Amino acid sequence: MSMQSHSEAAPLDGNAAAGLLGEIFAIEITSATITCDGCGASAQIGAARVYGGTMGAIVRCMCGRAIMRVARTPAGLTLDMRGARRLFAHLPQG
């Protein structure tokens, strides 16, 4: 059995990044809608493709562009959203 390279690893859905993103955002972020800056497609983060593990995650659009990167470092968490045009979170009614 051969080992897959990181680029060949099977993606998970965006819910796989929920714990990591929950450490950054005060709301349930997987139901937020993110818009790709490359192709303009919008989707809920929970439906996006996620690659990564315990040290971080890359959220990718269906077009393949990285729209969000989260990394755990000794100093804390780093969030890079260069590939996103917009992040829209529905706030609870109350």
C-alpha atoms as a PDB file:
ATOM      1  CA  MET A   1       0.000   0.000   0.000  1.00  0.00           C
ATOM      2  CA  SER A   2       1.480   3.371  -0.948  1.00  0.00           C
ATOM      3  CA  MET A   3       1.209   6.494   1.147  1.00  0.00           C
ATOM      4  CA  GLN A   4      -0.759   9.364  -0.365  1.00  0.00           C
ATOM      5  CA  SER A   5       0.886  12.750  -0.575  1.00  0.00           C
ATOM      6  CA  HIS A   6      -0.817  15.683   1.150  1.00  0.00           C
ATOM      7  CA  SER A   7      -2.074  16.989  -2.199  1.00  0.00           C
ATOM      8  CA  GLU A   8      -3.729  13.617  -2.920  1.00  0.00           C
ATOM      9  CA  ALA A   9      -5.416  13.292   0.470  1.00  0.00           C
ATOM     10  CA  ALA A  10      -9.189  12.945   0.331  1.00  0.00           C
ATOM     11  CA  PRO A  11     -10.989  16.123   1.351  1.00  0.00           C
ATOM     12  CA  LEU A  12     -13.415  16.319   4.253  1.00  0.00           C
ATOM     13  CA  ASP A  13     -16.409  18.619   4.417  1.00  0.00           C
ATOM     14  CA  GLY A  14     -16.158  21.993   6.133  1.00  0.00           C
ATOM     15  CA  ASN A  15     -17.571  20.625   9.374  1.00  0.00           C
ATOM     16  CA  ALA A  16     -14.179  18.973   9.932  1.00  0.00           C
ATOM     17  CA  ALA A  17     -12.767  22.443  10.635  1.00  0.00           C
ATOM     18  CA  ALA A  18     -15.565  23.393  13.065  1.00  0.00           C
ATOM     19  CA  GLY A  19     -13.488  22.938  16.234  1.00  0.00           C
ATOM     20  CA  LEU A  20     -10.527  24.895  14.919  1.00  0.00           C
ATOM     21  CA  LEU A  21     -12.710  27.712  13.532  1.00  0.00           C
ATOM     22  CA  GLY A  22     -14.773  27.703  16.745  1.00  0.00           C
ATOM     23  CA  GLU A  23     -11.645  28.827  18.590  1.00  0.00           C
ATOM     24  CA  ILE A  24     -11.549  31.961  16.395  1.00  0.00           C
ATOM     25  CA  PHE A  25     -15.189  32.890  15.769  1.00  0.00           C
ATOM     26  CA  ALA A  26     -17.780  33.495  18.503  1.00  0.00           C
ATOM     27  CA  ILE A  27     -20.611  32.153  16.325  1.00  0.00           C
ATOM     28  CA  GLU A  28     -21.328  28.793  14.660  1.00  0.00           C
ATOM     29  CA  ILE A  29     -19.178  29.455  11.591  1.00  0.00           C
ATOM     30  CA  THR A  30     -19.906  26.305   9.578  1.00  0.00           C
ATOM     31  CA  SER A  31     -23.348  27.696   8.650  1.00  0.00           C
ATOM     32  CA  ALA A  32     -21.820  30.985   7.437  1.00  0.00           C
ATOM     33  CA  THR A  33     -21.664  31.606   3.696  1.00  0.00           C
ATOM     34  CA  ILE A  34     -18.253  32.246   2.143  1.00  0.00           C
ATOM     35  CA  THR A  35     -17.721  33.639  -1.367  1.00  0.00           C
ATOM     36  CA  CYS A  36     -14.687  32.640  -3.431  1.00  0.00           C
ATOM     37  CA  ASP A  37     -12.674  35.603  -4.696  1.00  0.00           C
ATOM     38  CA  GLY A  38     -11.605  33.596  -7.743  1.00  0.00           C
ATOM     39  CA  CYS A  39     -14.813  32.235  -9.288  1.00  0.00           C
ATOM     40  CA  GLY A  40     -17.446  34.100  -7.246  1.00  0.00           C
ATOM     41  CA  ALA A  41     -19.203  30.930  -6.054  1.00  0.00           C
ATOM     42  CA  SER A  42     -20.831  31.026  -2.624  1.00  0.00           C
ATOM     43  CA  ALA A  43     -21.369  28.093  -0.256  1.00  0.00           C
ATOM     44  CA  GLN A  44     -21.723  27.376   3.417  1.00  0.00           C
ATOM     45  CA  ILE A  45     -18.384  26.662   5.059  1.00  0.00           C
ATOM     46  CA  GLY A  46     -19.793  23.347   6.272  1.00  0.00           C
ATOM     47  CA  ALA A  47     -20.260  22.271   2.636  1.00  0.00           C
ATOM     48  CA  ALA A  48     -16.786  23.336   1.477  1.00  0.00           C
ATOM     49  CA  ARG A  49     -13.875  20.919   0.979  1.00  0.00           C
ATOM     50  CA  VAL A  50     -11.361  20.904   3.844  1.00  0.00           C
ATOM     51  CA  TYR A  51      -7.838  19.513   3.840  1.00  0.00           C
ATOM     52  CA  GLY A  52      -5.732  19.299   6.979  1.00  0.00           C
ATOM     53  CA  GLY A  53      -5.580  17.972  10.473  1.00  0.00           C
ATOM     54  CA  THR A  54      -4.921  18.991  14.044  1.00  0.00           C
ATOM     55  CA  MET A  55      -2.296  21.615  13.165  1.00  0.00           C
ATOM     56  CA  GLY A  56      -4.492  23.439  10.683  1.00  0.00           C
ATOM     57  CA  ALA A  57      -6.910  23.344   7.812  1.00  0.00           C
ATOM     58  CA  ILE A  58      -7.310  24.655   4.288  1.00  0.00           C
ATOM     59  CA  VAL A  59     -10.864  25.353   3.118  1.00  0.00           C
ATOM     60  CA  ARG A  60     -11.147  25.163  -0.670  1.00  0.00           C
ATOM     61  CA  CYS A  61     -13.807  26.296  -3.114  1.00  0.00           C
ATOM     62  CA  MET A  62     -15.169  23.780  -5.613  1.00  0.00           C
ATOM     63  CA  CYS A  63     -12.991  25.552  -8.220  1.00  0.00           C
ATOM     64  CA  GLY A  64      -9.924  24.459  -6.233  1.00  0.00           C
ATOM     65  CA  ARG A  65      -8.860  27.848  -4.871  1.00  0.00           C
ATOM     66  CA  ALA A  66      -7.862  28.037  -1.187  1.00  0.00           C
ATOM     67  CA  ILE A  67     -10.367  30.439   0.353  1.00  0.00           C
ATOM     68  CA  MET A  68      -9.474  30.074   4.028  1.00  0.00           C
ATOM     69  CA  ARG A  69      -6.390  28.793   5.829  1.00  0.00           C
ATOM     70  CA  VAL A  70      -6.179  28.229   9.576  1.00  0.00           C
ATOM     71  CA  ALA A  71      -2.930  27.228  11.276  1.00  0.00           C
ATOM     72  CA  ARG A  72      -2.101  26.478  14.893  1.00  0.00           C
ATOM     73  CA  THR A  73       1.264  27.946  15.899  1.00  0.00           C
ATOM     74  CA  PRO A  74       3.052  28.123  19.261  1.00  0.00           C
ATOM     75  CA  ALA A  75       1.816  31.730  19.538  1.00  0.00           C
ATOM     76  CA  GLY A  76      -1.843  30.945  18.737  1.00  0.00           C
ATOM     77  CA  LEU A  77      -4.059  30.584  15.681  1.00  0.00           C
ATOM     78  CA  THR A  78      -3.472  32.264  12.322  1.00  0.00           C
ATOM     79  CA  LEU A  79      -6.366  32.893   9.929  1.00  0.00           C
ATOM     80  CA  ASP A  80      -5.707  33.739   6.271  1.00  0.00           C
ATOM     81  CA  MET A  81      -8.771  34.562   4.161  1.00  0.00           C
ATOM     82  CA  ARG A  82      -7.030  35.976   1.061  1.00  0.00           C
ATOM     83  CA  GLY A  83      -9.063  33.706  -1.226  1.00  0.00           C
ATOM     84  CA  ALA A  84     -12.423  34.853   0.136  1.00  0.00           C
ATOM     85  CA  ARG A  85     -14.344  37.801  -1.206  1.00  0.00           C
ATOM     86  CA  ARG A  86     -16.945  37.797   1.567  1.00  0.00           C
ATOM     87  CA  LEU A  87     -17.947  35.902   4.704  1.00  0.00           C
ATOM     88  CA  PHE A  88     -21.585  36.254   5.726  1.00  0.00           C
ATOM     89  CA  ALA A  89     -22.857  34.836   9.012  1.00  0.00           C
ATOM     90  CA  HIS A  90     -26.557  34.682   9.826  1.00  0.00           C
ATOM     91  CA  LEU A  91     -27.047  35.927  13.366  1.00  0.00           C
ATOM     92  CA  PRO A  92     -29.628  34.175  15.539  1.00  0.00           C
ATOM     93  CA  GLN A  93     -32.969  35.916  15.949  1.00  0.00           C
ATOM     94  CA  GLY A  94     -33.729  36.830  19.502  1.00  0.00           C
END
